[in-house]
Amino acid sequence: MNFLSKNNKWLLPVLYGLAGIAWGILLRYMAPLSNYEAWCEQNVAAISLSLCCIIALWLVRTYPTKVGVITYAVFIGIGLGVLAWSCDYYFLGWWLKGNAGYQVFLHNTAIDRLIMAEALLLPLTLITAMNKRVLAIEERFYHQNNAESLLREAELFKLRQQLQPHFLYNSLNAINSLVLVAPDKAQEMVGRLSDFMRASVKKDSNEPLPVAEELIYLESYLAIESVRFGDRLQVQFKKEYTDDARMPPFLVQPLIENAIKFGLYGQIGVVAIGIHIYMEDTMLVIVITNPYDPLMKPQAGTGFGLAGIRRRLYLLYGRDDLLQAVGEAEQFTTTLQIPQSHV
């Protein structure tokens, strides 16, 4: 339980009142006081300490800034300690002014009363001030973390939206060209494209899902590409992953799209795309290979689209070494690694 919580605002004053009552009971048995004198002691101490506790909590909690709050709390604690002592010392001195023996006792215990008041009220104001600072830091951290999380989610969403347009444009252009020469294929491609887009809309772009489920999505994509390119496109899967392997959606499809686009660029024969999926320690590794002619340059502005995927991987895993792309001789190899948090 947080005793400084505003939900417990009456708990501390009650405890301080009980401390005043305990003080009176202690004096009754340890000092030469009558029952009435001890009763006066405990009631005055209970009221003065409770009121000063309420004032201390209110003054520190309503302090308008975090700057100098500790110094402010020290002065408030010292001042309220003096106030509680003054109420106790001078009121009892006035109330029991006709009792000479008690007046001597009151005078002899004046310093002790001041020390007790300061010992109770100064730590209270300091702890309240420190609690105020901690809560302010926690709130600032929460808002900052929440803002960073929202920014991260927004960037991930933006990156996801950038995955589909080129593929969609190419598919629509292909459908347009097939409408007159091969209307049956155009109709088939429209149906497959509709299924593919419906599946992509339903997916959460951040939550990992089983690899087998993502492969169904990829096969739907490849079915569309097979309508476009016919027998020229051959995709070979090699699956060596475990059933519990998971991966974020929409990471592999743009890589395969690039492999098809650049594998077929400048080629007139059959183009084989290899996709090898396997586990290596705590990593799911996906290796995509496609034919590559270093002398054939893609049109300016197209690129391989790897920068966006690297950025998404960094946002998801905080690492920038999970995607590697190497072109050697006549083959281009893209290697994607997905950390498995459950391993």
Protein backbone atom coordinates (compact mmCIF):
# COMPACT_ATOMS: atom_id res chain seq x y z
CA MET A 1 0.00 0.00 0.00
CA ASN A 2 1.21 3.48 -0.83
CA PHE A 3 0.64 5.52 2.34
CA LEU A 4 1.24 8.75 0.44
CA SER A 5 -1.45 8.02 -2.13
CA LYS A 6 -4.24 10.56 -2.38
CA ASN A 7 -6.65 7.65 -1.87
CA ASN A 8 -5.23 7.35 1.67
CA LYS A 9 -5.26 11.08 2.41
CA TRP A 10 -6.83 10.63 5.85
CA LEU A 11 -4.67 7.72 6.94
CA LEU A 12 -1.54 9.70 7.81
CA PRO A 13 -3.36 12.39 9.84
CA VAL A 14 -5.05 9.61 11.82
CA LEU A 15 -1.69 7.94 12.44
CA TYR A 16 -0.19 11.23 13.56
CA GLY A 17 -3.14 11.74 15.88
CA LEU A 18 -2.55 8.28 17.33
CA ALA A 19 1.12 9.22 17.82
CA GLY A 20 -0.01 12.23 19.88
CA ILE A 21 -2.25 9.99 21.99
CA ALA A 22 0.64 7.56 22.48
CA TRP A 23 2.79 10.49 23.61
CA GLY A 24 0.23 11.41 26.30
CA ILE A 25 -0.06 7.79 27.49
CA LEU A 26 3.73 7.52 27.68
CA LEU A 27 3.93 10.68 29.79
CA ARG A 28 1.23 9.33 32.09
CA TYR A 29 3.37 6.37 33.09
CA MET A 30 6.86 7.89 32.83
CA ALA A 31 6.33 11.41 34.19
CA PRO A 32 4.77 12.73 37.39
CA LEU A 33 1.52 13.77 35.72
CA SER A 34 -2.06 13.39 36.83
CA ASN A 35 -4.66 11.72 34.65
CA TYR A 36 -6.08 15.10 33.66
CA GLU A 37 -2.66 16.51 32.73
CA ALA A 38 -1.86 13.41 30.64
CA TRP A 39 -5.30 13.68 29.01
CA CYS A 40 -4.57 17.30 28.08
CA GLU A 41 -1.14 16.32 26.75
CA GLN A 42 -2.41 13.56 24.51
CA ASN A 43 -5.35 15.52 23.09
CA VAL A 44 -3.35 18.64 22.34
CA ALA A 45 -0.54 16.58 20.77
CA ALA A 46 -3.00 14.53 18.71
CA ILE A 47 -4.83 17.60 17.36
CA SER A 48 -1.70 19.66 16.63
CA LEU A 49 0.14 16.79 14.91
CA SER A 50 -2.91 15.78 12.83
CA LEU A 51 -3.52 19.35 11.65
CA CYS A 52 0.16 19.91 10.86
CA CYS A 53 0.23 16.60 8.96
CA ILE A 54 -2.74 17.70 6.83
CA ILE A 55 -1.12 21.09 6.16
CA ALA A 56 2.22 19.45 5.27
CA LEU A 57 0.65 17.07 2.77
CA TRP A 58 -1.41 19.83 1.18
CA LEU A 59 1.49 22.30 0.89
CA VAL A 60 3.89 19.80 -0.69
CA ARG A 61 1.36 18.20 -3.02
CA THR A 62 0.15 21.56 -4.33
CA TYR A 63 3.66 22.87 -4.92
CA PRO A 64 3.38 23.97 -8.57
CA THR A 65 6.74 22.76 -9.90
CA LYS A 66 9.36 20.04 -9.42
CA VAL A 67 12.19 22.59 -9.22
CA GLY A 68 13.38 23.06 -5.64
CA VAL A 69 10.67 20.85 -4.16
CA ILE A 70 13.10 19.15 -1.74
CA THR A 71 14.39 22.47 -0.37
CA TYR A 72 10.81 23.68 -0.16
CA ALA A 73 9.85 20.53 1.75
CA VAL A 74 12.70 21.06 4.25
CA PHE A 75 11.52 24.57 5.08
CA ILE A 76 7.91 23.44 5.29
CA GLY A 77 8.85 20.55 7.59
CA ILE A 78 10.89 22.74 9.89
CA GLY A 79 8.22 25.43 9.97
CA LEU A 80 5.40 23.00 10.73
CA GLY A 81 7.51 21.33 13.40
CA VAL A 82 7.87 24.69 15.11
CA LEU A 83 4.14 25.32 14.65
CA ALA A 84 3.19 21.97 16.21
CA TRP A 85 5.58 22.61 19.10
CA SER A 86 4.20 26.12 19.62
CA CYS A 87 0.62 24.86 19.71
CA ASP A 88 1.59 22.18 22.19
CA TYR A 89 3.86 24.27 24.41
CA TYR A 90 2.01 27.57 24.58
CA PHE A 91 -1.53 26.20 24.63
CA LEU A 92 -0.75 23.77 27.47
CA GLY A 93 1.12 26.52 29.29
CA TRP A 94 -1.97 28.73 29.05
CA TRP A 95 -4.52 25.99 29.76
CA LEU A 96 -2.72 24.70 32.86
CA LYS A 97 -1.23 28.02 33.97
CA GLY A 98 -2.43 27.57 37.56
CA ASN A 99 -0.49 24.31 38.00
CA ALA A 100 3.02 25.28 39.10
CA GLY A 101 4.37 21.73 39.11
CA TYR A 102 3.19 21.12 35.55
CA GLN A 103 4.65 24.44 34.40
CA VAL A 104 8.09 23.30 35.58
CA PHE A 105 7.65 19.97 33.77
CA LEU A 106 6.49 21.75 30.60
CA HIS A 107 9.50 24.07 30.66
CA ASN A 108 11.96 21.21 31.24
CA THR A 109 10.55 19.17 28.30
CA ALA A 110 10.35 22.05 25.79
CA ILE A 111 13.39 20.92 23.76
CA ASP A 112 12.21 17.30 23.77
CA ARG A 113 8.81 18.41 22.43
CA LEU A 114 10.44 20.41 19.63
CA ILE A 115 12.68 17.47 18.66
CA MET A 116 9.69 15.12 18.61
CA ALA A 117 7.66 17.49 16.42
CA GLU A 118 10.52 17.96 13.96
CA ALA A 119 11.25 14.21 13.92
CA LEU A 120 7.66 13.51 12.91
CA LEU A 121 6.98 16.33 10.45
CA LEU A 122 10.29 16.95 8.65
CA PRO A 123 10.59 13.34 7.32
CA LEU A 124 6.92 13.51 6.29
CA THR A 125 7.45 16.56 4.07
CA LEU A 126 10.68 15.15 2.62
CA ILE A 127 9.14 11.78 1.81
CA THR A 128 6.08 13.47 0.29
CA ALA A 129 8.33 15.68 -1.86
CA MET A 130 10.42 12.72 -3.04
CA ASN A 131 7.26 10.77 -3.79
CA LYS A 132 6.00 13.77 -5.80
CA ARG A 133 9.23 13.79 -7.83
CA VAL A 134 9.11 10.05 -8.41
CA LEU A 135 5.50 10.25 -9.60
CA ALA A 136 6.39 13.14 -11.91
CA ILE A 137 9.31 11.19 -13.38
CA GLU A 138 7.14 8.09 -13.82
CA GLU A 139 4.44 10.16 -15.54
CA ARG A 140 6.97 11.81 -17.83
CA PHE A 141 8.51 8.43 -18.64
CA TYR A 142 5.07 6.97 -19.32
CA HIS A 143 4.12 9.79 -21.69
CA GLN A 144 7.50 9.66 -23.41
CA ASN A 145 7.34 5.88 -23.76
CA ASN A 146 3.75 6.09 -24.97
CA ALA A 147 4.70 8.74 -27.53
CA GLU A 148 7.64 6.63 -28.73
CA SER A 149 5.39 3.58 -28.96
CA LEU A 150 2.81 5.50 -30.99
CA LEU A 151 5.54 6.85 -33.27
CA ARG A 152 6.94 3.35 -33.70
CA GLU A 153 3.50 1.94 -34.49
CA ALA A 154 2.88 4.75 -36.98
CA GLU A 155 6.18 4.09 -38.74
CA LEU A 156 5.50 0.36 -38.85
CA PHE A 157 2.08 1.05 -40.34
CA LYS A 158 3.61 3.37 -42.93
CA LEU A 159 6.21 0.76 -43.85
CA ARG A 160 3.50 -1.86 -44.21
CA GLN A 161 1.51 0.40 -46.52
CA GLN A 162 4.59 0.76 -48.69
CA LEU A 163 4.89 -3.00 -49.20
CA GLN A 164 1.93 -3.54 -51.50
CA PRO A 165 1.61 -0.65 -54.00
CA HIS A 166 4.17 -1.76 -56.59
CA PHE A 167 2.87 -5.30 -56.58
CA LEU A 168 -0.72 -4.06 -56.83
CA TYR A 169 0.10 -1.71 -59.70
CA ASN A 170 1.94 -4.45 -61.58
CA SER A 171 -0.94 -6.87 -61.05
CA LEU A 172 -3.53 -4.37 -62.31
CA ASN A 173 -1.39 -3.63 -65.36
CA ALA A 174 -1.08 -7.35 -66.02
CA ILE A 175 -4.85 -7.79 -65.71
CA ASN A 176 -5.36 -4.90 -68.10
CA SER A 177 -3.09 -6.51 -70.68
CA LEU A 178 -4.76 -9.92 -70.26
CA VAL A 179 -8.33 -8.71 -70.60
CA LEU A 180 -8.25 -8.73 -74.42
CA VAL A 181 -5.75 -11.51 -75.18
CA ALA A 182 -6.58 -13.97 -72.39
CA PRO A 183 -9.79 -12.98 -70.58
CA ASP A 184 -9.95 -16.29 -68.68
CA LYS A 185 -6.51 -15.63 -67.18
CA ALA A 186 -7.49 -12.04 -66.40
CA GLN A 187 -10.56 -13.32 -64.54
CA GLU A 188 -8.46 -15.88 -62.66
CA MET A 189 -5.94 -13.21 -61.70
CA VAL A 190 -8.68 -10.86 -60.41
CA GLY A 191 -10.02 -13.64 -58.18
CA ARG A 192 -6.58 -14.51 -56.81
CA LEU A 193 -5.73 -10.85 -56.29
CA SER A 194 -8.99 -10.33 -54.39
CA ASP A 195 -8.25 -13.29 -52.09
CA PHE A 196 -4.71 -12.09 -51.57
CA MET A 197 -5.69 -8.52 -50.65
CA ARG A 198 -8.47 -9.76 -48.36
CA ALA A 199 -5.98 -11.92 -46.45
CA SER A 200 -3.48 -9.08 -46.15
CA VAL A 201 -6.08 -6.66 -44.76
CA LYS A 202 -7.13 -9.07 -42.01
CA LYS A 203 -3.60 -9.55 -40.70
CA ASP A 204 -2.02 -7.68 -37.82
CA SER A 205 1.19 -6.26 -39.23
CA ASN A 206 3.16 -6.54 -35.96
CA GLU A 207 2.14 -9.74 -34.18
CA PRO A 208 4.22 -12.80 -35.12
CA LEU A 209 2.31 -15.71 -36.63
CA PRO A 210 3.20 -19.33 -37.44
CA VAL A 211 5.44 -19.73 -40.47
CA ALA A 212 3.02 -22.22 -42.00
CA GLU A 213 0.28 -19.57 -41.93
CA GLU A 214 2.54 -17.02 -43.62
CA LEU A 215 3.46 -19.55 -46.29
CA ILE A 216 -0.20 -19.90 -47.24
CA TYR A 217 -0.23 -16.15 -47.78
CA LEU A 218 2.98 -16.35 -49.85
CA GLU A 219 1.62 -19.17 -51.97
CA SER A 220 -1.44 -17.06 -52.68
CA TYR A 221 0.88 -14.29 -53.84
CA LEU A 222 2.91 -16.68 -55.99
CA ALA A 223 -0.29 -17.97 -57.60
CA ILE A 224 -0.93 -14.44 -58.84
CA GLU A 225 2.60 -14.12 -60.18
CA SER A 226 2.31 -17.48 -61.93
CA VAL A 227 -0.67 -16.14 -63.85
CA ARG A 228 1.43 -13.14 -64.91
CA PHE A 229 4.57 -15.02 -65.91
CA GLY A 230 3.26 -18.49 -66.68
CA ASP A 231 5.84 -21.29 -66.97
CA ARG A 232 8.74 -18.85 -66.92
CA LEU A 233 8.53 -18.61 -63.15
CA GLN A 234 9.51 -21.60 -61.02
CA VAL A 235 9.64 -21.27 -57.24
CA GLN A 236 11.23 -24.02 -55.18
CA PHE A 237 10.59 -24.19 -51.42
CA LYS A 238 12.84 -26.04 -49.00
CA LYS A 239 11.15 -26.20 -45.59
CA GLU A 240 13.18 -27.25 -42.55
CA TYR A 241 11.62 -25.21 -39.77
CA THR A 242 9.91 -26.37 -36.57
CA ASP A 243 6.15 -26.17 -36.08
CA ASP A 244 6.49 -23.51 -33.37
CA ALA A 245 8.55 -21.15 -35.54
CA ARG A 246 6.94 -17.71 -35.87
CA MET A 247 7.55 -14.59 -37.90
CA PRO A 248 6.00 -11.16 -38.49
CA PRO A 249 3.78 -11.06 -41.58
CA PHE A 250 4.59 -9.14 -44.76
CA LEU A 251 8.37 -9.43 -44.43
CA VAL A 252 9.07 -12.17 -46.98
CA GLN A 253 6.57 -11.24 -49.71
CA PRO A 254 8.37 -8.03 -50.80
CA LEU A 255 11.67 -9.94 -50.84
CA ILE A 256 10.19 -12.60 -53.12
CA GLU A 257 8.64 -9.86 -55.25
CA ASN A 258 12.08 -8.28 -55.67
CA ALA A 259 13.64 -11.67 -56.45
CA ILE A 260 11.04 -12.27 -59.17
CA LYS A 261 11.31 -8.78 -60.59
CA PHE A 262 15.09 -8.70 -60.76
CA GLY A 263 15.42 -12.39 -61.58
CA LEU A 264 13.22 -11.96 -64.62
CA TYR A 265 14.73 -8.61 -65.58
CA GLY A 266 16.53 -9.09 -68.87
CA GLN A 267 15.83 -12.85 -68.88
CA ILE A 268 13.90 -14.64 -71.61
CA GLY A 269 13.94 -18.22 -70.33
CA VAL A 270 12.81 -20.01 -67.20
CA VAL A 271 13.81 -18.30 -63.96
CA ALA A 272 14.12 -20.37 -60.77
CA ILE A 273 13.60 -18.70 -57.39
CA GLY A 274 14.82 -20.67 -54.37
CA ILE A 275 13.34 -20.19 -50.88
CA HIS A 276 15.04 -22.08 -48.06
CA ILE A 277 13.48 -21.80 -44.58
CA TYR A 278 15.26 -23.41 -41.63
CA MET A 279 16.13 -23.02 -37.95
CA GLU A 280 19.60 -22.08 -36.77
CA ASP A 281 19.94 -21.91 -32.97
CA THR A 282 17.39 -19.28 -31.87
CA MET A 283 16.91 -17.86 -35.35
CA LEU A 284 14.47 -18.62 -38.11
CA VAL A 285 16.50 -18.15 -41.29
CA ILE A 286 14.96 -17.51 -44.69
CA VAL A 287 17.30 -17.55 -47.70
CA ILE A 288 15.97 -16.37 -51.07
CA THR A 289 18.04 -16.84 -54.21
CA ASN A 290 17.39 -15.61 -57.72
CA PRO A 291 19.36 -15.25 -60.96
CA TYR A 292 21.36 -12.05 -61.09
CA ASP A 293 23.13 -10.26 -63.90
CA PRO A 294 25.37 -7.50 -62.47
CA LEU A 295 25.55 -5.88 -65.91
CA MET A 296 21.79 -5.41 -66.08
CA LYS A 297 20.83 -2.33 -64.08
CA PRO A 298 17.24 -1.78 -62.90
CA GLN A 299 15.49 1.42 -63.74
CA ALA A 300 16.41 4.37 -61.55
CA GLY A 301 14.25 4.73 -58.49
CA THR A 302 13.10 1.11 -58.22
CA GLY A 303 15.88 -0.38 -56.08
CA PHE A 304 15.64 -3.62 -54.16
CA GLY A 305 13.41 -2.14 -51.40
CA LEU A 306 15.63 -3.60 -48.68
CA ALA A 307 15.99 -0.36 -46.70
CA GLY A 308 12.33 -0.33 -45.67
CA ILE A 309 12.48 -3.95 -44.53
CA ARG A 310 15.67 -3.31 -42.56
CA ARG A 311 13.95 -0.39 -40.86
CA ARG A 312 10.93 -2.52 -39.98
CA LEU A 313 13.19 -5.22 -38.54
CA TYR A 314 14.96 -2.61 -36.45
CA LEU A 315 11.65 -1.30 -35.11
CA LEU A 316 10.49 -4.81 -34.26
CA TYR A 317 13.72 -6.26 -32.83
CA GLY A 318 16.10 -3.35 -32.25
CA ARG A 319 18.73 -4.86 -34.55
CA ASP A 320 20.05 -3.78 -37.94
CA ASP A 321 21.91 -6.98 -38.89
CA LEU A 322 18.94 -9.26 -39.56
CA LEU A 323 18.80 -8.74 -43.34
CA GLN A 324 21.73 -9.36 -45.64
CA ALA A 325 21.76 -9.15 -49.45
CA VAL A 326 24.73 -10.29 -51.54
CA GLY A 327 25.13 -10.47 -55.32
CA GLU A 328 27.79 -12.92 -56.47
CA ALA A 329 28.51 -14.11 -60.03
CA GLU A 330 25.06 -14.80 -61.48
CA GLN A 331 23.10 -15.28 -58.26
CA PHE A 332 21.63 -12.82 -55.80
CA THR A 333 21.08 -14.09 -52.25
CA THR A 334 18.91 -12.42 -49.62
CA THR A 335 19.14 -13.77 -46.07
CA LEU A 336 16.52 -12.84 -43.50
CA GLN A 337 16.85 -13.81 -39.82
CA ILE A 338 13.91 -13.75 -37.41
CA PRO A 339 14.67 -14.06 -33.65
CA GLN A 340 12.47 -16.62 -31.93
CA SER A 341 11.47 -15.21 -28.54
CA HIS A 342 9.95 -18.53 -27.41
CA VAL A 343 13.25 -20.44 -27.84
